[in-house]
N, C-alpha and C. Protein backbone atom coordinates (compact mmCIF):
# COMPACT_ATOMS: atom_id res chain seq x y z
N UNK A 1 0.84 -1.18 -0.01
CA UNK A 1 0.01 0.01 -0.01
C UNK A 1 0.89 1.23 0.00
N UNK A 2 0.61 2.17 -0.88
CA UNK A 2 1.35 3.41 -0.94
C UNK A 2 0.87 4.40 0.06
N UNK A 3 1.61 5.49 0.27
CA UNK A 3 1.25 6.49 1.26
C UNK A 3 -0.11 7.17 0.97
N UNK A 4 -0.41 7.36 -0.33
CA UNK A 4 -1.67 7.98 -0.66
C UNK A 4 -2.84 7.10 -0.27
N UNK A 5 -2.72 5.78 -0.49
CA UNK A 5 -3.78 4.82 -0.03
C UNK A 5 -3.90 4.83 1.48
N UNK A 6 -2.77 4.77 2.16
CA UNK A 6 -2.77 4.77 3.60
C UNK A 6 -3.49 6.02 4.15
N UNK A 7 -3.19 7.16 3.56
CA UNK A 7 -3.84 8.38 4.00
C UNK A 7 -5.37 8.30 3.76
N UNK A 8 -5.72 7.92 2.56
CA UNK A 8 -7.17 7.89 2.23
C UNK A 8 -7.94 6.88 3.04
N UNK A 9 -7.30 5.78 3.43
CA UNK A 9 -8.00 4.77 4.22
C UNK A 9 -7.95 5.12 5.70
N UNK A 10 -7.13 6.05 6.12
CA UNK A 10 -7.00 6.39 7.57
C UNK A 10 -7.78 7.63 7.95
N UNK A 11 -8.10 8.51 6.99
CA UNK A 11 -8.71 9.77 7.28
C UNK A 11 -10.04 9.92 6.61
N UNK A 12 -10.84 10.87 7.00
CA UNK A 12 -12.11 11.21 6.31
C UNK A 12 -11.74 11.78 4.97
N UNK A 13 -12.69 11.85 4.06
CA UNK A 13 -12.44 12.39 2.70
C UNK A 13 -12.01 13.86 2.82
N UNK A 14 -12.58 14.61 3.72
CA UNK A 14 -12.20 16.01 3.94
C UNK A 14 -10.71 16.13 4.31
N UNK A 15 -10.31 15.36 5.35
CA UNK A 15 -8.94 15.38 5.85
C UNK A 15 -7.94 14.80 4.83
N UNK A 16 -8.42 13.78 4.09
CA UNK A 16 -7.56 13.20 3.06
C UNK A 16 -7.19 14.28 2.02
N UNK A 17 -8.11 15.09 1.63
CA UNK A 17 -7.87 16.12 0.66
C UNK A 17 -6.71 16.98 1.11
N UNK A 18 -6.69 17.52 2.37
CA UNK A 18 -5.68 18.41 2.89
C UNK A 18 -4.35 17.67 3.15
N UNK A 19 -4.43 16.45 3.59
CA UNK A 19 -3.21 15.69 3.84
C UNK A 19 -2.47 15.44 2.53
N UNK A 20 -3.20 15.06 1.49
CA UNK A 20 -2.57 14.85 0.19
C UNK A 20 -2.12 16.18 -0.50
N UNK A 21 -2.89 17.19 -0.27
CA UNK A 21 -2.53 18.49 -0.81
C UNK A 21 -1.13 18.99 -0.32
N UNK A 22 -0.81 18.64 0.92
CA UNK A 22 0.40 19.09 1.52
C UNK A 22 1.52 18.00 1.54
N UNK A 23 1.29 16.89 1.00
CA UNK A 23 2.22 15.77 1.15
C UNK A 23 3.61 16.07 0.61
N UNK A 24 3.72 16.83 -0.47
CA UNK A 24 5.03 17.08 -1.01
C UNK A 24 5.87 18.08 -0.27
N UNK A 25 5.21 18.83 0.66
CA UNK A 25 5.96 19.79 1.46
C UNK A 25 6.09 19.34 2.94
N UNK A 26 5.79 18.08 3.17
CA UNK A 26 5.74 17.52 4.53
C UNK A 26 6.74 16.34 4.62
N UNK A 27 7.10 16.03 5.88
CA UNK A 27 7.84 14.83 6.24
C UNK A 27 6.83 13.78 6.63
N UNK A 28 6.90 12.62 6.07
CA UNK A 28 5.96 11.55 6.40
C UNK A 28 6.68 10.42 7.13
N UNK A 29 6.15 10.08 8.34
CA UNK A 29 6.59 8.96 9.14
C UNK A 29 5.52 7.88 9.03
N UNK A 30 5.94 6.61 8.97
CA UNK A 30 4.96 5.50 8.95
C UNK A 30 5.32 4.48 10.03
N UNK A 31 4.32 3.71 10.37
CA UNK A 31 4.45 2.53 11.21
C UNK A 31 3.99 1.37 10.39
N UNK A 32 4.80 0.32 10.38
CA UNK A 32 4.40 -0.89 9.66
C UNK A 32 4.27 -2.08 10.60
N UNK A 33 3.34 -2.92 10.30
CA UNK A 33 3.16 -4.22 11.01
C UNK A 33 3.29 -5.29 9.97
N UNK A 34 4.22 -6.22 10.19
CA UNK A 34 4.48 -7.30 9.21
C UNK A 34 4.73 -6.78 7.83
N UNK A 35 5.44 -5.64 7.77
CA UNK A 35 5.83 -5.06 6.53
C UNK A 35 4.77 -4.22 5.84
N UNK A 36 3.59 -4.11 6.43
CA UNK A 36 2.49 -3.32 5.85
C UNK A 36 2.28 -2.05 6.63
N UNK A 37 2.19 -0.89 5.94
CA UNK A 37 1.93 0.38 6.65
C UNK A 37 0.54 0.39 7.26
N UNK A 38 0.44 0.78 8.53
CA UNK A 38 -0.81 0.80 9.18
C UNK A 38 -1.13 2.20 9.79
N UNK A 39 -0.15 3.06 9.81
CA UNK A 39 -0.36 4.41 10.33
C UNK A 39 0.71 5.36 9.82
N UNK A 40 0.41 6.65 9.86
CA UNK A 40 1.34 7.67 9.36
C UNK A 40 1.20 8.95 10.22
N UNK A 41 2.25 9.72 10.19
CA UNK A 41 2.19 11.09 10.72
C UNK A 41 2.79 12.02 9.66
N UNK A 42 2.08 13.10 9.42
CA UNK A 42 2.57 14.11 8.45
C UNK A 42 3.03 15.32 9.23
N UNK A 43 4.28 15.71 9.00
CA UNK A 43 4.95 16.69 9.84
C UNK A 43 5.37 17.90 9.01
N UNK A 44 5.40 19.04 9.70
CA UNK A 44 5.89 20.29 9.10
C UNK A 44 6.76 20.98 10.15
N UNK A 45 7.68 21.82 9.67
CA UNK A 45 8.57 22.48 10.58
C UNK A 45 8.72 23.95 10.09
N UNK A 46 8.64 24.84 11.11
CA UNK A 46 8.92 26.27 10.83
C UNK A 46 9.81 26.79 11.96
N UNK A 47 11.06 27.15 11.56
CA UNK A 47 12.04 27.60 12.54
C UNK A 47 12.23 26.53 13.57
N UNK A 48 11.98 26.87 14.87
CA UNK A 48 12.18 25.85 15.90
C UNK A 48 10.88 25.25 16.47
N UNK A 49 9.86 25.27 15.60
CA UNK A 49 8.59 24.72 15.98
C UNK A 49 8.25 23.55 14.96
N UNK A 50 7.90 22.43 15.55
CA UNK A 50 7.45 21.30 14.76
C UNK A 50 5.98 21.14 14.79
N UNK A 51 5.36 20.93 13.65
CA UNK A 51 3.90 20.77 13.61
C UNK A 51 3.53 19.34 13.20
N UNK A 52 2.70 18.72 13.97
CA UNK A 52 2.13 17.44 13.57
C UNK A 52 0.85 17.77 12.84
N UNK A 53 0.92 17.67 11.53
CA UNK A 53 -0.16 18.10 10.63
C UNK A 53 -1.30 17.10 10.65
N UNK A 54 -0.93 15.84 10.52
CA UNK A 54 -1.96 14.72 10.58
C UNK A 54 -1.32 13.53 11.22
N UNK A 55 -2.16 12.80 11.94
CA UNK A 55 -1.84 11.43 12.38
C UNK A 55 -3.03 10.58 11.92
N UNK A 56 -2.70 9.51 11.22
CA UNK A 56 -3.79 8.61 10.78
C UNK A 56 -3.36 7.16 10.99
N UNK A 57 -4.36 6.37 11.39
CA UNK A 57 -4.18 4.95 11.62
C UNK A 57 -5.34 4.25 10.96
N UNK A 58 -5.03 3.17 10.24
CA UNK A 58 -6.12 2.36 9.59
C UNK A 58 -7.11 1.95 10.68
N UNK A 59 -8.41 1.98 10.33
CA UNK A 59 -9.47 1.73 11.33
C UNK A 59 -9.25 0.42 12.09
N UNK A 60 -8.82 -0.64 11.47
CA UNK A 60 -8.68 -1.94 12.11
C UNK A 60 -7.53 -1.97 13.12
N UNK A 61 -6.64 -0.95 13.10
CA UNK A 61 -5.49 -0.93 14.02
C UNK A 61 -5.66 0.16 15.11
N UNK A 62 -6.78 0.85 15.10
CA UNK A 62 -6.96 1.94 16.12
C UNK A 62 -7.11 1.34 17.51
N UNK A 63 -6.77 2.15 18.49
CA UNK A 63 -6.92 1.71 19.88
C UNK A 63 -5.79 0.79 20.37
N UNK A 64 -4.71 0.66 19.59
CA UNK A 64 -3.58 -0.20 19.94
C UNK A 64 -2.34 0.56 20.24
N UNK A 65 -2.41 1.88 20.39
CA UNK A 65 -1.21 2.69 20.73
C UNK A 65 -0.41 3.12 19.55
N UNK A 66 -0.88 2.90 18.37
CA UNK A 66 -0.08 3.26 17.14
C UNK A 66 -0.04 4.76 16.99
N UNK A 67 -1.09 5.44 17.27
CA UNK A 67 -1.11 6.91 17.22
C UNK A 67 -0.05 7.53 18.18
N UNK A 68 -0.04 7.03 19.40
CA UNK A 68 0.90 7.47 20.40
C UNK A 68 2.34 7.19 19.93
N UNK A 69 2.57 6.06 19.36
CA UNK A 69 3.88 5.70 18.87
C UNK A 69 4.32 6.65 17.76
N UNK A 70 3.38 6.99 16.89
CA UNK A 70 3.68 7.93 15.82
C UNK A 70 4.03 9.32 16.37
N UNK A 71 3.29 9.77 17.34
CA UNK A 71 3.53 11.11 18.00
C UNK A 71 4.94 11.07 18.62
N UNK A 72 5.27 10.00 19.31
CA UNK A 72 6.58 9.92 19.94
C UNK A 72 7.69 9.87 18.84
N UNK A 73 7.46 9.18 17.76
CA UNK A 73 8.40 9.16 16.63
C UNK A 73 8.58 10.59 16.05
N UNK A 74 7.43 11.31 16.01
CA UNK A 74 7.48 12.71 15.50
C UNK A 74 8.33 13.55 16.46
N UNK A 75 8.11 13.40 17.75
CA UNK A 75 8.89 14.17 18.72
C UNK A 75 10.35 13.86 18.55
N UNK A 76 10.74 12.60 18.40
CA UNK A 76 12.14 12.23 18.22
C UNK A 76 12.70 12.84 16.92
N UNK A 77 11.95 12.81 15.88
CA UNK A 77 12.34 13.43 14.59
C UNK A 77 12.61 14.90 14.79
N UNK A 78 11.66 15.57 15.44
CA UNK A 78 11.84 17.01 15.66
C UNK A 78 13.01 17.32 16.52
N UNK A 79 13.23 16.56 17.56
CA UNK A 79 14.43 16.75 18.43
C UNK A 79 15.67 16.68 17.60
N UNK A 80 15.73 15.74 16.66
CA UNK A 80 16.92 15.60 15.85
C UNK A 80 17.13 16.75 14.90
N UNK A 81 16.08 17.57 14.66
CA UNK A 81 16.12 18.73 13.84
C UNK A 81 16.27 20.02 14.63
N UNK A 82 16.52 19.92 15.93
CA UNK A 82 16.69 21.09 16.75
C UNK A 82 15.46 21.86 17.11
N UNK A 83 14.30 21.22 17.01
CA UNK A 83 13.02 21.85 17.34
C UNK A 83 12.82 21.87 18.88
N UNK A 84 12.25 22.96 19.36
CA UNK A 84 12.05 23.09 20.80
C UNK A 84 10.59 22.84 21.23
N UNK A 85 9.63 23.09 20.36
CA UNK A 85 8.23 22.91 20.65
C UNK A 85 7.57 22.03 19.54
N UNK A 86 6.64 21.17 19.99
CA UNK A 86 5.82 20.44 19.02
C UNK A 86 4.39 20.89 19.19
N UNK A 87 3.68 21.17 18.12
CA UNK A 87 2.28 21.62 18.17
C UNK A 87 1.48 20.73 17.23
N UNK A 88 0.21 20.70 17.53
CA UNK A 88 -0.80 19.98 16.70
C UNK A 88 -2.14 20.65 16.96
N UNK A 89 -3.08 20.34 16.12
CA UNK A 89 -4.43 20.90 16.37
C UNK A 89 -5.44 19.73 16.22
N UNK A 90 -6.59 19.97 16.86
CA UNK A 90 -7.69 19.00 16.77
C UNK A 90 -9.02 19.75 17.06
N UNK A 91 -10.07 19.00 16.88
CA UNK A 91 -11.38 19.52 17.26
C UNK A 91 -11.67 19.05 18.74
N UNK A 92 -12.41 19.91 19.42
CA UNK A 92 -12.76 19.54 20.83
C UNK A 92 -13.69 18.33 20.88
N UNK A 93 -14.24 17.93 19.76
CA UNK A 93 -15.08 16.74 19.70
C UNK A 93 -14.32 15.45 19.40
N UNK A 94 -13.00 15.56 19.13
CA UNK A 94 -12.22 14.43 18.79
C UNK A 94 -11.60 13.85 20.06
N UNK A 95 -12.44 13.13 20.78
CA UNK A 95 -12.00 12.65 22.12
C UNK A 95 -10.83 11.66 22.10
N UNK A 96 -10.72 10.90 21.07
CA UNK A 96 -9.54 9.93 21.03
C UNK A 96 -8.25 10.76 20.84
N UNK A 97 -8.26 11.82 19.98
CA UNK A 97 -7.05 12.63 19.85
C UNK A 97 -6.77 13.35 21.17
N UNK A 98 -7.79 13.87 21.78
CA UNK A 98 -7.56 14.60 23.07
C UNK A 98 -6.99 13.67 24.11
N UNK A 99 -7.52 12.47 24.23
CA UNK A 99 -6.99 11.50 25.21
C UNK A 99 -5.54 11.15 24.88
N UNK A 100 -5.21 10.98 23.58
CA UNK A 100 -3.88 10.59 23.21
C UNK A 100 -2.91 11.75 23.57
N UNK A 101 -3.25 13.01 23.24
CA UNK A 101 -2.33 14.10 23.56
C UNK A 101 -2.20 14.31 25.06
N UNK A 102 -3.30 14.14 25.81
CA UNK A 102 -3.22 14.20 27.29
C UNK A 102 -2.29 13.19 27.82
N UNK A 103 -2.35 11.95 27.36
CA UNK A 103 -1.49 10.85 27.81
C UNK A 103 -0.03 11.13 27.51
N UNK A 104 0.23 11.92 26.50
CA UNK A 104 1.61 12.22 26.11
C UNK A 104 2.06 13.57 26.63
N UNK A 105 1.30 14.13 27.63
CA UNK A 105 1.66 15.36 28.35
C UNK A 105 1.69 16.64 27.51
N UNK A 106 0.79 16.71 26.54
CA UNK A 106 0.63 17.97 25.79
C UNK A 106 -0.22 18.97 26.58
N UNK A 107 0.06 20.23 26.36
CA UNK A 107 -0.71 21.30 26.93
C UNK A 107 -1.79 21.77 25.94
N UNK A 108 -2.97 22.10 26.42
CA UNK A 108 -4.09 22.43 25.56
C UNK A 108 -4.37 23.92 25.64
N UNK A 109 -4.68 24.50 24.44
CA UNK A 109 -5.04 25.93 24.34
C UNK A 109 -6.17 26.06 23.33
N UNK A 110 -6.97 27.03 23.54
CA UNK A 110 -8.01 27.39 22.56
C UNK A 110 -7.30 28.06 21.34
N UNK A 111 -7.75 27.78 20.19
CA UNK A 111 -7.13 28.33 19.00
C UNK A 111 -7.03 29.86 19.02
N UNK A 112 -8.03 30.50 19.54
CA UNK A 112 -8.01 31.98 19.58
C UNK A 112 -6.94 32.54 20.46
N UNK A 113 -6.34 31.74 21.31
CA UNK A 113 -5.23 32.18 22.20
C UNK A 113 -3.85 32.10 21.53
N UNK A 114 -3.79 31.47 20.39
CA UNK A 114 -2.49 31.08 19.74
C UNK A 114 -2.20 32.03 18.59
N UNK A 115 -0.90 32.31 18.42
CA UNK A 115 -0.43 33.17 17.36
C UNK A 115 -0.86 32.64 15.95
N UNK A 116 -1.18 33.56 15.09
CA UNK A 116 -1.62 33.25 13.76
C UNK A 116 -0.65 32.35 12.95
N UNK A 117 0.60 32.56 13.13
CA UNK A 117 1.63 31.73 12.41
C UNK A 117 1.54 30.24 12.76
N UNK A 118 1.12 29.94 13.98
CA UNK A 118 0.97 28.57 14.39
C UNK A 118 -0.29 27.94 13.74
N UNK A 119 -1.34 28.76 13.69
CA UNK A 119 -2.59 28.30 12.98
C UNK A 119 -2.30 28.04 11.50
N UNK A 120 -1.45 28.89 10.92
CA UNK A 120 -1.15 28.68 9.52
C UNK A 120 -0.20 27.48 9.30
N UNK A 121 0.71 27.26 10.19
CA UNK A 121 1.61 26.08 10.08
C UNK A 121 0.75 24.82 10.11
N UNK A 122 -0.23 24.76 10.99
CA UNK A 122 -1.04 23.58 11.12
C UNK A 122 -2.26 23.55 10.19
N UNK A 123 -2.49 24.65 9.45
CA UNK A 123 -3.64 24.77 8.58
C UNK A 123 -4.92 24.43 9.43
N UNK A 124 -4.99 24.99 10.60
CA UNK A 124 -5.99 24.66 11.60
C UNK A 124 -7.26 25.45 11.51
N UNK A 125 -7.74 25.66 10.26
CA UNK A 125 -8.93 26.47 10.07
C UNK A 125 -10.18 25.86 10.68
N UNK A 126 -10.29 24.55 10.65
CA UNK A 126 -11.49 23.84 11.17
C UNK A 126 -11.38 23.39 12.61
N UNK A 127 -10.15 23.41 13.15
CA UNK A 127 -9.95 22.91 14.52
C UNK A 127 -10.08 24.03 15.51
N UNK A 128 -10.42 23.72 16.76
CA UNK A 128 -10.55 24.74 17.77
C UNK A 128 -9.61 24.57 18.97
N UNK A 129 -8.84 23.47 18.93
CA UNK A 129 -7.83 23.30 20.00
C UNK A 129 -6.44 23.13 19.41
N UNK A 130 -5.50 23.75 20.09
CA UNK A 130 -4.09 23.61 19.77
C UNK A 130 -3.40 22.91 20.94
N UNK A 131 -2.58 21.92 20.65
CA UNK A 131 -1.83 21.28 21.71
C UNK A 131 -0.38 21.54 21.50
N UNK A 132 0.38 21.61 22.60
CA UNK A 132 1.79 21.96 22.54
C UNK A 132 2.54 21.19 23.57
N UNK A 133 3.81 20.82 23.19
CA UNK A 133 4.71 20.12 24.09
C UNK A 133 6.06 20.67 23.99
N UNK A 134 6.68 20.95 25.11
CA UNK A 134 8.08 21.46 25.15
C UNK A 134 9.01 20.25 25.07
N UNK A 135 9.81 20.12 24.02
CA UNK A 135 10.76 18.97 23.91
C UNK A 135 12.18 19.40 24.09
N UNK A 136 12.41 20.67 24.28
CA UNK A 136 13.78 21.15 24.51
C UNK A 136 13.75 21.95 25.84
N UNK A 137 14.68 21.62 26.72
CA UNK A 137 14.80 22.32 27.99
C UNK A 137 14.90 23.81 27.79
N UNK A 138 14.16 24.58 28.58
CA UNK A 138 14.16 25.99 28.46
C UNK A 138 13.13 26.54 27.50
N UNK A 139 12.46 25.70 26.74
CA UNK A 139 11.39 26.23 25.84
C UNK A 139 10.10 26.27 26.63
N UNK A 140 9.11 27.07 26.08
CA UNK A 140 7.84 27.17 26.79
C UNK A 140 6.73 27.30 25.76
N UNK A 141 5.68 26.59 26.02
CA UNK A 141 4.50 26.71 25.13
C UNK A 141 3.90 28.13 25.17
N UNK A 142 4.27 28.90 26.16
CA UNK A 142 3.81 30.32 26.20
C UNK A 142 4.27 31.08 24.96
N UNK A 143 5.37 30.61 24.32
CA UNK A 143 5.90 31.27 23.15
C UNK A 143 4.93 31.32 21.95
N UNK A 144 3.96 30.40 21.95
CA UNK A 144 3.05 30.36 20.81
C UNK A 144 1.76 31.10 21.10
N UNK A 145 1.64 31.63 22.35
CA UNK A 145 0.41 32.35 22.72
C UNK A 145 0.52 33.78 22.19
N UNK A 146 -0.65 34.33 21.88
CA UNK A 146 -0.75 35.74 21.49
C UNK A 146 -0.35 36.60 22.71
N UNK A 147 0.25 37.71 22.44
CA UNK A 147 0.63 38.63 23.53
C UNK A 147 -0.52 39.32 24.18
């Protein structure tokens, strides 16, 4: 299965459109089981901020910790690139994403509290929550808040 198929089978048609639209300007991480891709993370970077643009897992593999593993892999990737903060966005109705980010110690903010450049990095026009994690000592999620 190619990355385009993995994305389309892991996300809604709406989200598939945006994930595929940005695929050429993103870093893609995958998780494979028995050689078959079952999940992906689409990442973007701007200066010292890493954005998790999408995390998708095939429906039959959800609830097994694959999403958390992908987010941890994304954090490791960003650390290797000198990133100090990792951000992502979601809807307040996406309880599985909220639970995952809580379990991984992300801080939650309302989108209206966050700088416009972060919203643009994440293309978070439809989402209302921004999550942030400090992965470099001395960094602070307060850096992404509006003044």
